[in-house]
Amino acid sequence: MANTREHTFIMVKHDGVQRGLIGEIIRRFENRGFKLVAIKSIQATRAQLEVHYEDHKGKNYFESLLGYGSSGPAIAMVWEGHGVITAGRSILGATDPIKAQPGTIRGDYATAIGRNVVHGSDSEKAAKREIDVWFKPEEILTWHRAGAQHLHDKYNE
């Protein structure tokens, strides 16, 4: 069985915050049975964003990514659950909203690649790195979700 305590990093970007989509994004993850273990409102600095988006360094859109990412508030979250990284990417939809399926967050709300509402980790390695950028270890809560036995065949919490 896969690790039920897998973590992923999800960020409601500046455009999602400005459009009032925080609750909708949280609802979609909760409805899938994932557990919110950390959340905070942030004003990202350029230095944080450089580390967060280090895989994009050297690409022609890197500077605009940093500029937009630091231009307004965002919501940083850590979600926990069985397969949360893969499922989280599915919930978010394709990065390009034109390619994102209806019913995904980006398919329903994103307007352009640069205004795609959310960011989500794409691998365990990325999730660990991104969580470490935005959260101290003591900010990640461990708690038991009532009714967890109804979410998975085998739930070892």
N, C-alpha and C. Protein backbone atom coordinates (compact mmCIF):
# COMPACT_ATOMS: atom_id res chain seq x y z
N MET A 1 0.84 -1.19 0.00
CA MET A 1 0.00 0.00 0.00
C MET A 1 0.88 1.25 0.00
N ALA A 2 0.49 2.24 -0.75
CA ALA A 2 1.22 3.50 -0.81
C ALA A 2 1.11 4.23 0.53
N ASN A 3 2.02 5.11 0.77
CA ASN A 3 2.05 5.88 2.00
C ASN A 3 0.83 6.78 2.11
N THR A 4 0.02 6.59 3.17
CA THR A 4 -1.15 7.44 3.37
C THR A 4 -0.77 8.82 3.87
N ARG A 5 0.47 8.97 4.29
CA ARG A 5 0.92 10.27 4.79
C ARG A 5 1.71 11.05 3.74
N GLU A 6 1.51 10.74 2.51
CA GLU A 6 2.16 11.49 1.44
C GLU A 6 1.69 12.94 1.52
N HIS A 7 2.63 13.86 1.30
CA HIS A 7 2.31 15.29 1.35
C HIS A 7 2.53 15.93 -0.01
N THR A 8 1.74 16.95 -0.29
CA THR A 8 1.96 17.78 -1.46
C THR A 8 1.80 19.23 -1.09
N PHE A 9 2.42 20.07 -1.87
CA PHE A 9 2.31 21.53 -1.69
C PHE A 9 1.35 22.07 -2.75
N ILE A 10 0.37 22.82 -2.30
CA ILE A 10 -0.59 23.49 -3.19
C ILE A 10 -0.59 24.96 -2.82
N MET A 11 -0.50 25.81 -3.83
CA MET A 11 -0.55 27.26 -3.60
C MET A 11 -1.67 27.86 -4.43
N VAL A 12 -2.54 28.62 -3.77
CA VAL A 12 -3.50 29.44 -4.49
C VAL A 12 -2.74 30.71 -4.82
N LYS A 13 -2.50 30.91 -6.10
CA LYS A 13 -1.69 32.05 -6.54
C LYS A 13 -2.49 33.35 -6.40
N HIS A 14 -1.76 34.43 -6.60
CA HIS A 14 -2.30 35.79 -6.47
C HIS A 14 -3.64 35.96 -7.22
N ASP A 15 -3.74 35.44 -8.45
CA ASP A 15 -4.98 35.62 -9.21
C ASP A 15 -6.13 34.85 -8.59
N GLY A 16 -5.85 33.67 -8.02
CA GLY A 16 -6.90 32.89 -7.36
C GLY A 16 -7.38 33.55 -6.09
N VAL A 17 -6.45 34.16 -5.33
CA VAL A 17 -6.82 34.89 -4.12
C VAL A 17 -7.68 36.09 -4.48
N GLN A 18 -7.23 36.88 -5.47
CA GLN A 18 -7.96 38.08 -5.87
C GLN A 18 -9.37 37.75 -6.37
N ARG A 19 -9.55 36.58 -6.97
CA ARG A 19 -10.85 36.19 -7.51
C ARG A 19 -11.72 35.45 -6.51
N GLY A 20 -11.25 35.29 -5.27
CA GLY A 20 -12.05 34.67 -4.22
C GLY A 20 -12.24 33.17 -4.39
N LEU A 21 -11.20 32.46 -4.86
CA LEU A 21 -11.32 31.03 -5.15
C LEU A 21 -10.70 30.14 -4.07
N ILE A 22 -10.24 30.70 -2.98
CA ILE A 22 -9.58 29.91 -1.93
C ILE A 22 -10.49 28.79 -1.42
N GLY A 23 -11.69 29.14 -1.04
CA GLY A 23 -12.62 28.16 -0.49
C GLY A 23 -12.96 27.06 -1.47
N GLU A 24 -13.14 27.42 -2.73
CA GLU A 24 -13.46 26.43 -3.77
C GLU A 24 -12.31 25.44 -3.94
N ILE A 25 -11.09 25.92 -3.91
CA ILE A 25 -9.94 25.05 -4.07
C ILE A 25 -9.80 24.12 -2.87
N ILE A 26 -9.96 24.65 -1.67
CA ILE A 26 -9.92 23.81 -0.47
C ILE A 26 -11.04 22.78 -0.53
N ARG A 27 -12.23 23.17 -0.92
CA ARG A 27 -13.38 22.26 -1.00
C ARG A 27 -13.08 21.06 -1.89
N ARG A 28 -12.45 21.30 -3.04
CA ARG A 28 -12.18 20.21 -3.97
C ARG A 28 -11.22 19.18 -3.39
N PHE A 29 -10.21 19.64 -2.64
CA PHE A 29 -9.28 18.71 -2.01
C PHE A 29 -9.95 17.98 -0.85
N GLU A 30 -10.73 18.68 -0.06
CA GLU A 30 -11.43 18.03 1.05
C GLU A 30 -12.44 17.01 0.53
N ASN A 31 -13.13 17.34 -0.55
CA ASN A 31 -14.11 16.41 -1.11
C ASN A 31 -13.47 15.12 -1.60
N ARG A 32 -12.21 15.15 -1.97
CA ARG A 32 -11.49 13.94 -2.38
C ARG A 32 -10.93 13.17 -1.19
N GLY A 33 -11.15 13.67 0.01
CA GLY A 33 -10.71 12.96 1.21
C GLY A 33 -9.33 13.32 1.68
N PHE A 34 -8.73 14.36 1.13
CA PHE A 34 -7.40 14.76 1.56
C PHE A 34 -7.50 15.65 2.80
N LYS A 35 -6.43 15.63 3.57
CA LYS A 35 -6.40 16.31 4.85
C LYS A 35 -5.47 17.52 4.78
N LEU A 36 -5.98 18.69 5.15
CA LEU A 36 -5.19 19.92 5.20
C LEU A 36 -4.38 19.91 6.49
N VAL A 37 -3.05 19.90 6.36
CA VAL A 37 -2.20 19.83 7.55
C VAL A 37 -1.39 21.10 7.78
N ALA A 38 -1.44 22.04 6.83
CA ALA A 38 -0.79 23.34 7.02
C ALA A 38 -1.39 24.33 6.02
N ILE A 39 -1.59 25.57 6.49
CA ILE A 39 -2.10 26.62 5.62
C ILE A 39 -1.67 27.97 6.17
N LYS A 40 -1.30 28.87 5.26
CA LYS A 40 -1.01 30.24 5.68
C LYS A 40 -1.10 31.18 4.49
N SER A 41 -1.40 32.42 4.82
CA SER A 41 -1.41 33.49 3.84
C SER A 41 0.02 34.02 3.74
N ILE A 42 0.50 34.19 2.51
CA ILE A 42 1.88 34.63 2.32
C ILE A 42 1.97 35.79 1.33
N GLN A 43 2.99 36.57 1.49
CA GLN A 43 3.41 37.54 0.49
C GLN A 43 4.80 37.09 0.09
N ALA A 44 4.87 36.38 -1.03
CA ALA A 44 6.12 35.75 -1.45
C ALA A 44 7.19 36.79 -1.76
N THR A 45 8.41 36.49 -1.35
CA THR A 45 9.54 37.33 -1.71
C THR A 45 10.17 36.77 -2.98
N ARG A 46 10.93 37.60 -3.64
CA ARG A 46 11.64 37.16 -4.85
C ARG A 46 12.57 35.98 -4.52
N ALA A 47 13.24 36.06 -3.38
CA ALA A 47 14.17 34.98 -2.99
C ALA A 47 13.43 33.66 -2.81
N GLN A 48 12.30 33.68 -2.15
CA GLN A 48 11.51 32.45 -1.98
C GLN A 48 11.07 31.89 -3.33
N LEU A 49 10.61 32.78 -4.20
CA LEU A 49 10.13 32.34 -5.51
C LEU A 49 11.26 31.79 -6.38
N GLU A 50 12.45 32.37 -6.24
CA GLU A 50 13.60 31.84 -7.00
C GLU A 50 13.89 30.39 -6.61
N VAL A 51 13.77 30.08 -5.32
CA VAL A 51 13.98 28.71 -4.86
C VAL A 51 12.79 27.84 -5.30
N HIS A 52 11.60 28.35 -5.09
CA HIS A 52 10.39 27.59 -5.43
C HIS A 52 10.36 27.20 -6.91
N TYR A 53 10.69 28.13 -7.78
CA TYR A 53 10.62 27.91 -9.23
C TYR A 53 12.00 27.65 -9.85
N GLU A 54 12.93 27.10 -9.07
CA GLU A 54 14.30 26.91 -9.56
C GLU A 54 14.36 26.06 -10.83
N ASP A 55 13.42 25.17 -11.04
CA ASP A 55 13.41 24.34 -12.26
C ASP A 55 13.16 25.16 -13.52
N HIS A 56 12.64 26.37 -13.36
CA HIS A 56 12.32 27.21 -14.51
C HIS A 56 13.39 28.28 -14.78
N LYS A 57 14.42 28.30 -13.95
CA LYS A 57 15.50 29.29 -14.10
C LYS A 57 16.11 29.17 -15.50
N GLY A 58 16.32 30.32 -16.13
CA GLY A 58 16.90 30.36 -17.47
C GLY A 58 15.87 30.34 -18.59
N LYS A 59 14.62 30.08 -18.25
CA LYS A 59 13.57 30.09 -19.28
C LYS A 59 13.10 31.52 -19.50
N ASN A 60 12.59 31.79 -20.68
CA ASN A 60 12.24 33.17 -21.05
C ASN A 60 11.15 33.78 -20.17
N TYR A 61 10.36 33.00 -19.49
CA TYR A 61 9.26 33.52 -18.66
C TYR A 61 9.63 33.60 -17.17
N PHE A 62 10.85 33.24 -16.82
CA PHE A 62 11.25 33.17 -15.41
C PHE A 62 11.06 34.51 -14.69
N GLU A 63 11.54 35.59 -15.27
CA GLU A 63 11.43 36.91 -14.62
C GLU A 63 9.97 37.33 -14.43
N SER A 64 9.14 37.10 -15.41
CA SER A 64 7.73 37.47 -15.26
C SER A 64 7.05 36.59 -14.21
N LEU A 65 7.47 35.34 -14.10
CA LEU A 65 6.95 34.43 -13.08
C LEU A 65 7.27 34.97 -11.69
N LEU A 66 8.51 35.42 -11.51
CA LEU A 66 8.93 35.98 -10.22
C LEU A 66 8.19 37.28 -9.93
N GLY A 67 8.07 38.13 -10.93
CA GLY A 67 7.39 39.41 -10.74
C GLY A 67 5.93 39.24 -10.38
N TYR A 68 5.24 38.39 -11.09
CA TYR A 68 3.83 38.18 -10.80
C TYR A 68 3.64 37.47 -9.47
N GLY A 69 4.49 36.49 -9.19
CA GLY A 69 4.37 35.73 -7.95
C GLY A 69 4.56 36.57 -6.71
N SER A 70 5.30 37.65 -6.81
CA SER A 70 5.54 38.50 -5.65
C SER A 70 4.65 39.75 -5.64
N SER A 71 3.70 39.83 -6.57
CA SER A 71 2.89 41.05 -6.70
C SER A 71 1.63 41.06 -5.85
N GLY A 72 1.35 39.99 -5.14
CA GLY A 72 0.15 39.97 -4.31
C GLY A 72 0.13 38.77 -3.39
N PRO A 73 -0.89 38.68 -2.55
CA PRO A 73 -0.96 37.59 -1.57
C PRO A 73 -1.26 36.25 -2.23
N ALA A 74 -0.80 35.21 -1.56
CA ALA A 74 -1.08 33.84 -1.99
C ALA A 74 -1.40 33.01 -0.75
N ILE A 75 -1.97 31.85 -0.96
CA ILE A 75 -2.26 30.92 0.12
C ILE A 75 -1.43 29.66 -0.08
N ALA A 76 -0.57 29.35 0.87
CA ALA A 76 0.28 28.17 0.82
C ALA A 76 -0.35 27.08 1.68
N MET A 77 -0.39 25.87 1.15
CA MET A 77 -1.02 24.76 1.86
C MET A 77 -0.21 23.48 1.70
N VAL A 78 -0.31 22.63 2.71
CA VAL A 78 0.21 21.27 2.63
C VAL A 78 -0.98 20.34 2.84
N TRP A 79 -1.13 19.43 1.89
CA TRP A 79 -2.21 18.44 1.94
C TRP A 79 -1.60 17.06 2.13
N GLU A 80 -2.31 16.22 2.86
CA GLU A 80 -1.85 14.87 3.16
C GLU A 80 -2.88 13.86 2.70
N GLY A 81 -2.39 12.72 2.21
CA GLY A 81 -3.29 11.62 1.89
C GLY A 81 -2.70 10.64 0.90
N HIS A 82 -3.38 9.55 0.76
CA HIS A 82 -2.99 8.48 -0.16
C HIS A 82 -3.03 8.99 -1.61
N GLY A 83 -1.87 9.03 -2.26
CA GLY A 83 -1.80 9.46 -3.66
C GLY A 83 -2.09 10.93 -3.89
N VAL A 84 -1.87 11.76 -2.88
CA VAL A 84 -2.25 13.17 -2.97
C VAL A 84 -1.47 13.94 -4.04
N ILE A 85 -0.25 13.55 -4.34
CA ILE A 85 0.52 14.28 -5.36
C ILE A 85 -0.11 14.06 -6.73
N THR A 86 -0.31 12.81 -7.09
CA THR A 86 -0.90 12.50 -8.40
C THR A 86 -2.34 12.99 -8.49
N ALA A 87 -3.12 12.72 -7.47
CA ALA A 87 -4.52 13.16 -7.48
C ALA A 87 -4.61 14.69 -7.48
N GLY A 88 -3.70 15.33 -6.74
CA GLY A 88 -3.69 16.80 -6.70
C GLY A 88 -3.47 17.39 -8.08
N ARG A 89 -2.53 16.81 -8.83
CA ARG A 89 -2.29 17.29 -10.20
C ARG A 89 -3.55 17.11 -11.06
N SER A 90 -4.25 16.03 -10.84
CA SER A 90 -5.48 15.78 -11.58
C SER A 90 -6.57 16.79 -11.21
N ILE A 91 -6.68 17.10 -9.94
CA ILE A 91 -7.67 18.08 -9.47
C ILE A 91 -7.36 19.45 -10.07
N LEU A 92 -6.07 19.80 -10.15
CA LEU A 92 -5.67 21.11 -10.68
C LEU A 92 -5.91 21.21 -12.18
N GLY A 93 -5.61 20.16 -12.93
CA GLY A 93 -5.72 20.20 -14.38
C GLY A 93 -4.43 20.68 -15.04
N ALA A 94 -4.41 20.64 -16.34
CA ALA A 94 -3.23 21.02 -17.12
C ALA A 94 -2.84 22.47 -16.85
N THR A 95 -1.53 22.73 -16.87
CA THR A 95 -1.01 24.08 -16.63
C THR A 95 -1.61 25.09 -17.60
N ASP A 96 -1.75 24.70 -18.85
CA ASP A 96 -2.35 25.55 -19.87
C ASP A 96 -3.86 25.38 -19.79
N PRO A 97 -4.59 26.42 -19.39
CA PRO A 97 -6.03 26.28 -19.21
C PRO A 97 -6.78 25.88 -20.48
N ILE A 98 -6.21 26.14 -21.64
CA ILE A 98 -6.85 25.72 -22.89
C ILE A 98 -6.86 24.19 -22.98
N LYS A 99 -5.84 23.56 -22.39
CA LYS A 99 -5.73 22.10 -22.40
C LYS A 99 -6.34 21.45 -21.16
N ALA A 100 -6.70 22.24 -20.17
CA ALA A 100 -7.25 21.71 -18.92
C ALA A 100 -8.70 21.26 -19.12
N GLN A 101 -9.00 20.09 -18.62
CA GLN A 101 -10.34 19.52 -18.75
C GLN A 101 -11.35 20.29 -17.90
N PRO A 102 -12.58 20.44 -18.40
CA PRO A 102 -13.65 20.98 -17.55
C PRO A 102 -13.79 20.11 -16.30
N GLY A 103 -14.09 20.72 -15.19
CA GLY A 103 -14.18 20.00 -13.93
C GLY A 103 -12.91 20.06 -13.12
N THR A 104 -11.79 20.46 -13.75
CA THR A 104 -10.55 20.70 -13.00
C THR A 104 -10.54 22.16 -12.58
N ILE A 105 -9.73 22.50 -11.61
CA ILE A 105 -9.66 23.89 -11.15
C ILE A 105 -9.25 24.80 -12.30
N ARG A 106 -8.20 24.44 -13.00
CA ARG A 106 -7.74 25.30 -14.10
C ARG A 106 -8.72 25.28 -15.27
N GLY A 107 -9.33 24.14 -15.52
CA GLY A 107 -10.32 24.06 -16.60
C GLY A 107 -11.54 24.92 -16.32
N ASP A 108 -11.87 25.08 -15.06
CA ASP A 108 -13.04 25.86 -14.68
C ASP A 108 -12.73 27.33 -14.42
N TYR A 109 -11.51 27.65 -13.97
CA TYR A 109 -11.24 29.01 -13.50
C TYR A 109 -10.05 29.74 -14.13
N ALA A 110 -9.09 29.03 -14.66
CA ALA A 110 -7.90 29.70 -15.18
C ALA A 110 -8.19 30.41 -16.50
N THR A 111 -7.50 31.50 -16.74
CA THR A 111 -7.73 32.30 -17.94
C THR A 111 -6.55 32.32 -18.90
N ALA A 112 -5.36 32.01 -18.40
CA ALA A 112 -4.14 32.01 -19.22
C ALA A 112 -3.06 31.24 -18.46
N ILE A 113 -2.02 30.82 -19.15
CA ILE A 113 -0.94 30.09 -18.48
C ILE A 113 -0.38 30.91 -17.32
N GLY A 114 -0.21 32.19 -17.52
CA GLY A 114 0.32 33.07 -16.48
C GLY A 114 -0.70 33.46 -15.43
N ARG A 115 -1.95 33.07 -15.60
CA ARG A 115 -3.02 33.34 -14.63
C ARG A 115 -3.80 32.04 -14.43
N ASN A 116 -3.06 30.99 -14.00
CA ASN A 116 -3.70 29.68 -13.90
C ASN A 116 -4.09 29.29 -12.48
N VAL A 117 -4.24 30.26 -11.61
CA VAL A 117 -4.90 30.17 -10.32
C VAL A 117 -4.13 29.41 -9.23
N VAL A 118 -3.52 28.27 -9.58
CA VAL A 118 -2.93 27.40 -8.57
C VAL A 118 -1.59 26.83 -9.01
N HIS A 119 -0.83 26.41 -8.01
CA HIS A 119 0.39 25.65 -8.25
C HIS A 119 0.29 24.38 -7.43
N GLY A 120 0.77 23.27 -7.96
CA GLY A 120 0.81 22.02 -7.21
C GLY A 120 2.09 21.26 -7.51
N SER A 121 2.64 20.61 -6.50
CA SER A 121 3.84 19.81 -6.67
C SER A 121 3.61 18.71 -7.70
N ASP A 122 4.67 18.41 -8.48
CA ASP A 122 4.53 17.39 -9.51
C ASP A 122 5.26 16.09 -9.19
N SER A 123 5.91 16.02 -8.02
CA SER A 123 6.63 14.81 -7.63
C SER A 123 6.90 14.87 -6.13
N GLU A 124 7.30 13.73 -5.56
CA GLU A 124 7.67 13.71 -4.14
C GLU A 124 8.84 14.64 -3.86
N LYS A 125 9.83 14.61 -4.74
CA LYS A 125 11.02 15.46 -4.57
C LYS A 125 10.62 16.94 -4.59
N ALA A 126 9.80 17.33 -5.56
CA ALA A 126 9.34 18.73 -5.65
C ALA A 126 8.50 19.10 -4.44
N ALA A 127 7.63 18.19 -4.00
CA ALA A 127 6.78 18.48 -2.85
C ALA A 127 7.63 18.76 -1.61
N LYS A 128 8.62 17.93 -1.37
CA LYS A 128 9.48 18.13 -0.21
C LYS A 128 10.20 19.47 -0.29
N ARG A 129 10.78 19.77 -1.45
CA ARG A 129 11.50 21.03 -1.62
C ARG A 129 10.57 22.22 -1.44
N GLU A 130 9.40 22.17 -2.08
CA GLU A 130 8.47 23.30 -2.01
C GLU A 130 7.91 23.49 -0.61
N ILE A 131 7.57 22.41 0.07
CA ILE A 131 7.07 22.52 1.45
C ILE A 131 8.15 23.15 2.33
N ASP A 132 9.40 22.75 2.13
CA ASP A 132 10.51 23.31 2.93
C ASP A 132 10.72 24.81 2.66
N VAL A 133 10.38 25.28 1.47
CA VAL A 133 10.50 26.72 1.17
C VAL A 133 9.49 27.52 1.97
N TRP A 134 8.29 27.02 2.10
CA TRP A 134 7.18 27.80 2.65
C TRP A 134 6.80 27.49 4.09
N PHE A 135 7.22 26.33 4.61
CA PHE A 135 6.81 25.94 5.96
C PHE A 135 7.98 25.43 6.78
N LYS A 136 7.95 25.76 8.07
CA LYS A 136 8.87 25.16 9.04
C LYS A 136 8.27 23.81 9.43
N PRO A 137 9.09 22.84 9.82
CA PRO A 137 8.56 21.52 10.19
C PRO A 137 7.45 21.59 11.25
N GLU A 138 7.60 22.47 12.22
CA GLU A 138 6.61 22.56 13.30
C GLU A 138 5.26 23.16 12.83
N GLU A 139 5.22 23.70 11.64
CA GLU A 139 3.97 24.23 11.11
C GLU A 139 3.11 23.17 10.43
N ILE A 140 3.68 21.98 10.22
CA ILE A 140 2.94 20.87 9.60
C ILE A 140 2.31 20.06 10.73
N LEU A 141 1.00 20.04 10.79
CA LEU A 141 0.30 19.36 11.87
C LEU A 141 0.11 17.88 11.57
N THR A 142 0.10 17.11 12.64
CA THR A 142 -0.27 15.71 12.56
C THR A 142 -1.55 15.56 13.37
N TRP A 143 -2.60 15.09 12.71
CA TRP A 143 -3.86 14.92 13.41
C TRP A 143 -4.66 13.78 12.77
N HIS A 144 -5.57 13.21 13.52
CA HIS A 144 -6.37 12.08 13.04
C HIS A 144 -7.71 12.62 12.54
N ARG A 145 -8.04 12.25 11.33
CA ARG A 145 -9.31 12.66 10.74
C ARG A 145 -10.39 11.66 11.13
N ALA A 146 -11.43 12.12 11.80
CA ALA A 146 -12.56 11.26 12.14
C ALA A 146 -13.16 10.70 10.85
N GLY A 147 -13.45 9.43 10.85
CA GLY A 147 -14.04 8.81 9.67
C GLY A 147 -13.04 8.42 8.61
N ALA A 148 -11.74 8.48 8.92
CA ALA A 148 -10.70 8.16 7.93
C ALA A 148 -10.85 6.75 7.40
N GLN A 149 -11.39 5.85 8.19
CA GLN A 149 -11.55 4.47 7.75
C GLN A 149 -12.51 4.36 6.56
N HIS A 150 -13.30 5.38 6.31
CA HIS A 150 -14.23 5.37 5.18
C HIS A 150 -13.60 5.87 3.89
N LEU A 151 -12.38 6.35 3.97
CA LEU A 151 -11.71 6.93 2.81
C LEU A 151 -10.84 5.96 2.04
N HIS A 152 -10.26 4.97 2.72
CA HIS A 152 -9.33 4.04 2.10
C HIS A 152 -9.59 2.64 2.62
N ASP A 153 -9.22 1.65 1.84
CA ASP A 153 -9.38 0.25 2.26
C ASP A 153 -8.61 -0.02 3.55
N LYS A 154 -7.38 0.46 3.58
CA LYS A 154 -6.52 0.29 4.75
C LYS A 154 -5.97 1.65 5.10
N TYR A 155 -6.34 2.17 6.21
CA TYR A 155 -5.91 3.50 6.60
C TYR A 155 -5.17 3.39 7.92
N ASN A 156 -3.87 3.54 7.87
CA ASN A 156 -3.04 3.40 9.08
C ASN A 156 -2.60 4.77 9.55
N GLU A 157 -3.42 5.39 10.35
CA GLU A 157 -3.05 6.68 10.91
C GLU A 157 -2.75 6.56 12.37
